[in-house]
Amino acid sequence: MRNLSNQPSTSSSNVSDHAGAARVISSPPKKATAELEIVPVPATSQAASGSTETERASGFAKMREVTSHRPRTLRMQYRFARVVLYFGWLFVQAVFWYILVQRYFPDYVKRTNLERWRGYA
């Protein structure tokens, strides 16, 4: 049987010989021929981004005004309640199948898993 704690490498840079010991690959020279200079990136100004602090504040104020005057229709409230109830029922079903039923019938739960998730979808 194979020793799973020390598996052979699949890397092409770590080629091993027939005895199982890895060959030593020479490392690249320490000093490269071309030196690169690392320069910090300058911070962008607010003028370049196209918005100032007052423009952003006025945008937030307009957004608050529009959302505060939007009517809460009965249709939207009903839709929200349906979504909450649907996902609540989905959670109850998952708890039922994967905690309660799986304790007593694990093979049945595993066998019917795909069909059940198709029904959820």
N, C-alpha and C. Protein backbone atom coordinates (compact mmCIF):
# COMPACT_ATOMS: atom_id res chain seq x y z
N MET A 1 0.83 -1.18 0.00
CA MET A 1 0.00 0.00 0.00
C MET A 1 0.88 1.24 0.00
N ARG A 2 0.41 2.29 -0.62
CA ARG A 2 1.16 3.53 -0.75
C ARG A 2 1.10 4.38 0.52
N ASN A 3 2.18 5.07 0.82
CA ASN A 3 2.21 5.99 1.94
C ASN A 3 1.55 7.28 1.49
N LEU A 4 0.35 7.59 2.04
CA LEU A 4 -0.41 8.75 1.59
C LEU A 4 0.08 10.05 2.19
N SER A 5 0.87 10.00 3.25
CA SER A 5 1.35 11.23 3.85
C SER A 5 2.52 11.84 3.07
N ASN A 6 3.18 11.07 2.23
CA ASN A 6 4.31 11.58 1.44
C ASN A 6 4.10 11.18 -0.01
N GLN A 7 3.15 11.80 -0.66
CA GLN A 7 2.83 11.46 -2.04
C GLN A 7 3.82 12.13 -2.99
N PRO A 8 4.06 11.51 -4.15
CA PRO A 8 4.97 12.11 -5.12
C PRO A 8 4.38 13.39 -5.69
N SER A 9 5.25 14.31 -6.02
CA SER A 9 4.82 15.60 -6.54
C SER A 9 4.38 15.47 -7.99
N THR A 10 3.38 16.25 -8.37
CA THR A 10 2.94 16.27 -9.76
C THR A 10 3.55 17.46 -10.50
N SER A 11 4.38 18.22 -9.82
CA SER A 11 4.99 19.40 -10.42
C SER A 11 6.07 18.98 -11.41
N SER A 12 6.17 19.70 -12.53
CA SER A 12 7.20 19.39 -13.52
C SER A 12 8.56 19.89 -13.07
N SER A 13 8.60 20.81 -12.11
CA SER A 13 9.88 21.31 -11.65
C SER A 13 10.52 20.39 -10.62
N ASN A 14 9.75 19.47 -10.06
CA ASN A 14 10.27 18.57 -9.05
C ASN A 14 10.31 17.17 -9.66
N VAL A 15 11.29 16.91 -10.53
CA VAL A 15 11.42 15.62 -11.18
C VAL A 15 12.25 14.72 -10.29
N SER A 16 11.76 13.53 -10.02
CA SER A 16 12.49 12.62 -9.14
C SER A 16 13.10 11.49 -9.95
N ASP A 17 14.20 10.95 -9.45
CA ASP A 17 14.86 9.84 -10.14
C ASP A 17 14.22 8.54 -9.70
N HIS A 18 14.77 7.41 -10.14
CA HIS A 18 14.18 6.11 -9.87
C HIS A 18 14.29 5.72 -8.41
N ALA A 19 15.25 6.22 -7.68
CA ALA A 19 15.42 5.85 -6.28
C ALA A 19 14.42 6.59 -5.39
N GLY A 20 13.70 7.56 -5.89
CA GLY A 20 12.71 8.26 -5.10
C GLY A 20 13.21 9.58 -4.55
N ALA A 21 14.47 9.88 -4.70
CA ALA A 21 15.01 11.15 -4.20
C ALA A 21 14.87 12.20 -5.28
N ALA A 22 14.55 13.40 -4.92
CA ALA A 22 14.35 14.48 -5.88
C ALA A 22 15.69 15.05 -6.31
N ARG A 23 15.78 15.41 -7.61
CA ARG A 23 16.98 16.07 -8.09
C ARG A 23 16.97 17.51 -7.64
N VAL A 24 18.14 18.05 -7.41
CA VAL A 24 18.25 19.44 -7.03
C VAL A 24 18.34 20.26 -8.31
N ILE A 25 17.45 21.21 -8.44
CA ILE A 25 17.42 22.07 -9.61
C ILE A 25 18.12 23.35 -9.22
N SER A 26 19.03 23.79 -10.09
CA SER A 26 19.79 24.99 -9.76
C SER A 26 18.87 26.20 -9.73
N SER A 27 19.11 27.07 -8.79
CA SER A 27 18.28 28.26 -8.65
C SER A 27 18.77 29.34 -9.61
N PRO A 28 17.89 30.27 -10.00
CA PRO A 28 18.30 31.33 -10.92
C PRO A 28 19.29 32.26 -10.21
N PRO A 29 20.06 33.00 -10.99
CA PRO A 29 21.02 33.91 -10.37
C PRO A 29 20.33 34.91 -9.47
N LYS A 30 20.99 35.30 -8.41
CA LYS A 30 20.39 36.19 -7.42
C LYS A 30 20.15 37.59 -7.98
N LYS A 31 21.02 38.09 -8.84
CA LYS A 31 20.87 39.43 -9.38
C LYS A 31 20.40 39.35 -10.83
N ALA A 32 19.29 39.97 -11.11
CA ALA A 32 18.77 39.97 -12.47
C ALA A 32 19.54 40.97 -13.31
N THR A 33 19.50 40.77 -14.63
CA THR A 33 20.24 41.65 -15.51
C THR A 33 19.59 43.03 -15.60
N ALA A 34 18.27 43.12 -15.55
CA ALA A 34 17.59 44.41 -15.63
C ALA A 34 16.94 44.69 -14.28
N GLU A 35 17.24 45.83 -13.70
CA GLU A 35 16.66 46.23 -12.42
C GLU A 35 15.34 46.96 -12.67
N LEU A 36 14.34 46.66 -11.90
CA LEU A 36 13.05 47.33 -12.00
C LEU A 36 12.89 48.27 -10.82
N GLU A 37 12.38 49.45 -11.10
CA GLU A 37 12.14 50.40 -10.04
C GLU A 37 10.67 50.36 -9.66
N ILE A 38 10.38 50.22 -8.38
CA ILE A 38 9.01 50.18 -7.89
C ILE A 38 8.63 51.57 -7.43
N VAL A 39 7.59 52.11 -8.06
CA VAL A 39 7.16 53.47 -7.79
C VAL A 39 5.74 53.39 -7.23
N PRO A 40 5.45 54.11 -6.14
CA PRO A 40 4.08 54.07 -5.60
C PRO A 40 3.09 54.74 -6.55
N VAL A 41 1.87 54.23 -6.56
CA VAL A 41 0.83 54.77 -7.42
C VAL A 41 0.26 56.01 -6.75
N PRO A 42 0.18 57.12 -7.48
CA PRO A 42 -0.36 58.33 -6.86
C PRO A 42 -1.84 58.18 -6.54
N ALA A 43 -2.27 58.78 -5.46
CA ALA A 43 -3.67 58.72 -5.05
C ALA A 43 -4.51 59.52 -6.02
N THR A 44 -5.71 59.03 -6.33
CA THR A 44 -6.59 59.75 -7.25
C THR A 44 -7.27 60.87 -6.50
N SER A 45 -7.41 61.97 -7.17
CA SER A 45 -8.08 63.11 -6.55
C SER A 45 -9.58 62.98 -6.72
N GLN A 46 -10.35 63.69 -5.91
CA GLN A 46 -11.80 63.64 -6.02
C GLN A 46 -12.27 64.30 -7.30
N ALA A 47 -11.52 65.26 -7.79
CA ALA A 47 -11.91 65.92 -9.03
C ALA A 47 -11.81 64.95 -10.20
N ALA A 48 -10.82 64.06 -10.15
CA ALA A 48 -10.65 63.10 -11.22
C ALA A 48 -11.75 62.05 -11.20
N SER A 49 -12.26 61.72 -10.04
CA SER A 49 -13.30 60.70 -9.97
C SER A 49 -14.67 61.24 -10.38
N GLY A 50 -14.84 62.53 -10.45
CA GLY A 50 -16.06 63.11 -10.97
C GLY A 50 -17.10 63.44 -9.92
N SER A 51 -16.83 63.24 -8.65
CA SER A 51 -17.83 63.58 -7.64
C SER A 51 -17.15 64.19 -6.43
N THR A 52 -17.78 65.19 -5.91
CA THR A 52 -17.27 65.81 -4.70
C THR A 52 -18.13 65.35 -3.53
N GLU A 53 -17.74 65.73 -2.36
CA GLU A 53 -18.47 65.32 -1.15
C GLU A 53 -19.89 65.87 -1.15
N THR A 54 -20.07 67.10 -1.59
CA THR A 54 -21.41 67.69 -1.60
C THR A 54 -22.32 67.03 -2.63
N GLU A 55 -21.74 66.64 -3.78
CA GLU A 55 -22.54 65.95 -4.80
C GLU A 55 -23.01 64.60 -4.29
N ARG A 56 -22.15 63.89 -3.58
CA ARG A 56 -22.53 62.59 -3.03
C ARG A 56 -23.60 62.75 -1.97
N ALA A 57 -23.47 63.78 -1.12
CA ALA A 57 -24.45 64.01 -0.07
C ALA A 57 -25.81 64.36 -0.68
N SER A 58 -25.80 65.17 -1.73
CA SER A 58 -27.08 65.53 -2.35
C SER A 58 -27.69 64.30 -3.05
N GLY A 59 -26.86 63.43 -3.59
CA GLY A 59 -27.37 62.20 -4.20
C GLY A 59 -28.02 61.30 -3.18
N PHE A 60 -27.40 61.18 -1.99
CA PHE A 60 -28.00 60.38 -0.93
C PHE A 60 -29.30 61.00 -0.43
N ALA A 61 -29.35 62.32 -0.36
CA ALA A 61 -30.57 62.99 0.09
C ALA A 61 -31.71 62.75 -0.91
N LYS A 62 -31.40 62.81 -2.21
CA LYS A 62 -32.42 62.55 -3.22
C LYS A 62 -32.91 61.11 -3.15
N MET A 63 -31.98 60.18 -2.91
CA MET A 63 -32.36 58.78 -2.83
C MET A 63 -33.27 58.54 -1.61
N ARG A 64 -32.94 59.14 -0.47
CA ARG A 64 -33.78 59.01 0.71
C ARG A 64 -35.18 59.59 0.48
N GLU A 65 -35.23 60.73 -0.22
CA GLU A 65 -36.52 61.37 -0.49
C GLU A 65 -37.38 60.49 -1.39
N VAL A 66 -36.80 59.91 -2.42
CA VAL A 66 -37.55 59.07 -3.35
C VAL A 66 -38.05 57.82 -2.64
N THR A 67 -37.20 57.17 -1.85
CA THR A 67 -37.63 55.94 -1.18
C THR A 67 -38.63 56.20 -0.06
N SER A 68 -38.57 57.37 0.56
CA SER A 68 -39.52 57.65 1.63
C SER A 68 -40.91 57.94 1.07
N HIS A 69 -41.02 58.47 -0.13
CA HIS A 69 -42.32 58.79 -0.72
C HIS A 69 -42.87 57.65 -1.57
N ARG A 70 -42.13 56.57 -1.72
CA ARG A 70 -42.61 55.45 -2.52
C ARG A 70 -43.71 54.73 -1.74
N PRO A 71 -44.85 54.50 -2.36
CA PRO A 71 -45.95 53.85 -1.63
C PRO A 71 -45.66 52.36 -1.40
N ARG A 72 -46.08 51.89 -0.25
CA ARG A 72 -45.98 50.45 0.05
C ARG A 72 -47.29 49.82 -0.38
N THR A 73 -47.30 49.30 -1.57
CA THR A 73 -48.53 48.74 -2.09
C THR A 73 -48.78 47.38 -1.43
N LEU A 74 -50.02 47.01 -1.42
CA LEU A 74 -50.41 45.71 -0.86
C LEU A 74 -49.80 44.58 -1.68
N ARG A 75 -49.68 44.81 -2.97
CA ARG A 75 -49.11 43.80 -3.86
C ARG A 75 -47.65 43.51 -3.50
N MET A 76 -46.88 44.56 -3.22
CA MET A 76 -45.47 44.37 -2.86
C MET A 76 -45.34 43.73 -1.48
N GLN A 77 -46.20 44.08 -0.55
CA GLN A 77 -46.16 43.47 0.77
C GLN A 77 -46.52 41.98 0.69
N TYR A 78 -47.50 41.66 -0.14
CA TYR A 78 -47.88 40.26 -0.35
C TYR A 78 -46.73 39.47 -0.97
N ARG A 79 -46.06 40.07 -1.93
CA ARG A 79 -44.92 39.42 -2.59
C ARG A 79 -43.80 39.16 -1.58
N PHE A 80 -43.51 40.14 -0.75
CA PHE A 80 -42.47 39.98 0.27
C PHE A 80 -42.84 38.85 1.24
N ALA A 81 -44.10 38.81 1.67
CA ALA A 81 -44.54 37.76 2.59
C ALA A 81 -44.43 36.38 1.95
N ARG A 82 -44.78 36.29 0.67
CA ARG A 82 -44.66 34.99 -0.03
C ARG A 82 -43.22 34.53 -0.11
N VAL A 83 -42.30 35.43 -0.38
CA VAL A 83 -40.88 35.06 -0.47
C VAL A 83 -40.37 34.61 0.89
N VAL A 84 -40.73 35.33 1.94
CA VAL A 84 -40.29 34.95 3.29
C VAL A 84 -40.85 33.60 3.68
N LEU A 85 -42.13 33.37 3.40
CA LEU A 85 -42.75 32.09 3.73
C LEU A 85 -42.15 30.95 2.92
N TYR A 86 -41.86 31.18 1.65
CA TYR A 86 -41.27 30.14 0.81
C TYR A 86 -39.92 29.69 1.36
N PHE A 87 -39.05 30.64 1.65
CA PHE A 87 -37.73 30.26 2.14
C PHE A 87 -37.78 29.73 3.57
N GLY A 88 -38.74 30.20 4.35
CA GLY A 88 -38.93 29.61 5.68
C GLY A 88 -39.35 28.16 5.58
N TRP A 89 -40.30 27.86 4.67
CA TRP A 89 -40.75 26.49 4.47
C TRP A 89 -39.61 25.62 3.91
N LEU A 90 -38.80 26.17 3.05
CA LEU A 90 -37.64 25.44 2.52
C LEU A 90 -36.67 25.09 3.64
N PHE A 91 -36.46 26.00 4.56
CA PHE A 91 -35.58 25.75 5.70
C PHE A 91 -36.16 24.66 6.61
N VAL A 92 -37.47 24.71 6.85
CA VAL A 92 -38.11 23.69 7.68
C VAL A 92 -37.98 22.32 7.03
N GLN A 93 -38.16 22.25 5.72
CA GLN A 93 -38.03 20.97 5.02
C GLN A 93 -36.60 20.44 5.10
N ALA A 94 -35.62 21.33 4.94
CA ALA A 94 -34.23 20.88 5.01
C ALA A 94 -33.90 20.36 6.40
N VAL A 95 -34.37 21.03 7.43
CA VAL A 95 -34.14 20.55 8.80
C VAL A 95 -34.81 19.21 8.99
N PHE A 96 -36.05 19.07 8.51
CA PHE A 96 -36.77 17.82 8.65
C PHE A 96 -36.04 16.66 8.00
N TRP A 97 -35.63 16.83 6.73
CA TRP A 97 -35.00 15.73 6.00
C TRP A 97 -33.59 15.43 6.47
N TYR A 98 -32.78 16.46 6.68
CA TYR A 98 -31.37 16.22 6.92
C TYR A 98 -31.00 16.11 8.39
N ILE A 99 -31.93 16.34 9.29
CA ILE A 99 -31.64 16.14 10.71
C ILE A 99 -32.52 15.03 11.27
N LEU A 100 -33.82 15.14 11.07
CA LEU A 100 -34.72 14.16 11.67
C LEU A 100 -34.79 12.85 10.90
N VAL A 101 -35.13 12.91 9.62
CA VAL A 101 -35.31 11.68 8.84
C VAL A 101 -33.98 10.98 8.62
N GLN A 102 -32.90 11.74 8.41
CA GLN A 102 -31.61 11.11 8.16
C GLN A 102 -31.12 10.32 9.36
N ARG A 103 -31.54 10.68 10.55
CA ARG A 103 -31.15 9.94 11.74
C ARG A 103 -31.68 8.51 11.70
N TYR A 104 -32.90 8.30 11.15
CA TYR A 104 -33.53 6.99 11.16
C TYR A 104 -33.44 6.27 9.82
N PHE A 105 -33.42 7.00 8.71
CA PHE A 105 -33.39 6.38 7.38
C PHE A 105 -32.31 7.04 6.51
N PRO A 106 -31.03 6.88 6.82
CA PRO A 106 -29.99 7.60 6.07
C PRO A 106 -29.88 7.17 4.61
N ASP A 107 -30.12 5.90 4.32
CA ASP A 107 -30.01 5.45 2.93
C ASP A 107 -31.11 6.06 2.06
N TYR A 108 -32.32 6.13 2.59
CA TYR A 108 -33.43 6.71 1.83
C TYR A 108 -33.19 8.19 1.55
N VAL A 109 -32.69 8.90 2.54
CA VAL A 109 -32.43 10.33 2.35
C VAL A 109 -31.36 10.53 1.29
N LYS A 110 -30.30 9.73 1.34
CA LYS A 110 -29.22 9.85 0.35
C LYS A 110 -29.71 9.47 -1.05
N ARG A 111 -30.54 8.43 -1.14
CA ARG A 111 -31.02 7.95 -2.43
C ARG A 111 -31.97 8.94 -3.10
N THR A 112 -32.79 9.62 -2.32
CA THR A 112 -33.78 10.54 -2.90
C THR A 112 -33.33 11.99 -2.86
N ASN A 113 -32.07 12.24 -2.56
CA ASN A 113 -31.56 13.59 -2.42
C ASN A 113 -31.69 14.41 -3.70
N LEU A 114 -31.29 13.87 -4.84
CA LEU A 114 -31.31 14.62 -6.10
C LEU A 114 -32.74 14.99 -6.49
N GLU A 115 -33.65 14.04 -6.38
CA GLU A 115 -35.04 14.31 -6.73
C GLU A 115 -35.65 15.38 -5.82
N ARG A 116 -35.31 15.36 -4.55
CA ARG A 116 -35.83 16.34 -3.62
C ARG A 116 -35.32 17.74 -3.95
N TRP A 117 -34.03 17.87 -4.27
CA TRP A 117 -33.47 19.18 -4.60
C TRP A 117 -33.99 19.70 -5.93
N ARG A 118 -34.31 18.80 -6.84
CA ARG A 118 -34.95 19.23 -8.08
C ARG A 118 -36.32 19.83 -7.78
N GLY A 119 -37.03 19.23 -6.86
CA GLY A 119 -38.33 19.76 -6.47
C GLY A 119 -38.23 21.11 -5.81
N TYR A 120 -37.18 21.31 -5.01
CA TYR A 120 -36.98 22.61 -4.37
C TYR A 120 -36.71 23.68 -5.43
N ALA A 121 -35.95 23.32 -6.45
CA ALA A 121 -35.60 24.29 -7.49
C ALA A 121 -36.80 24.65 -8.32
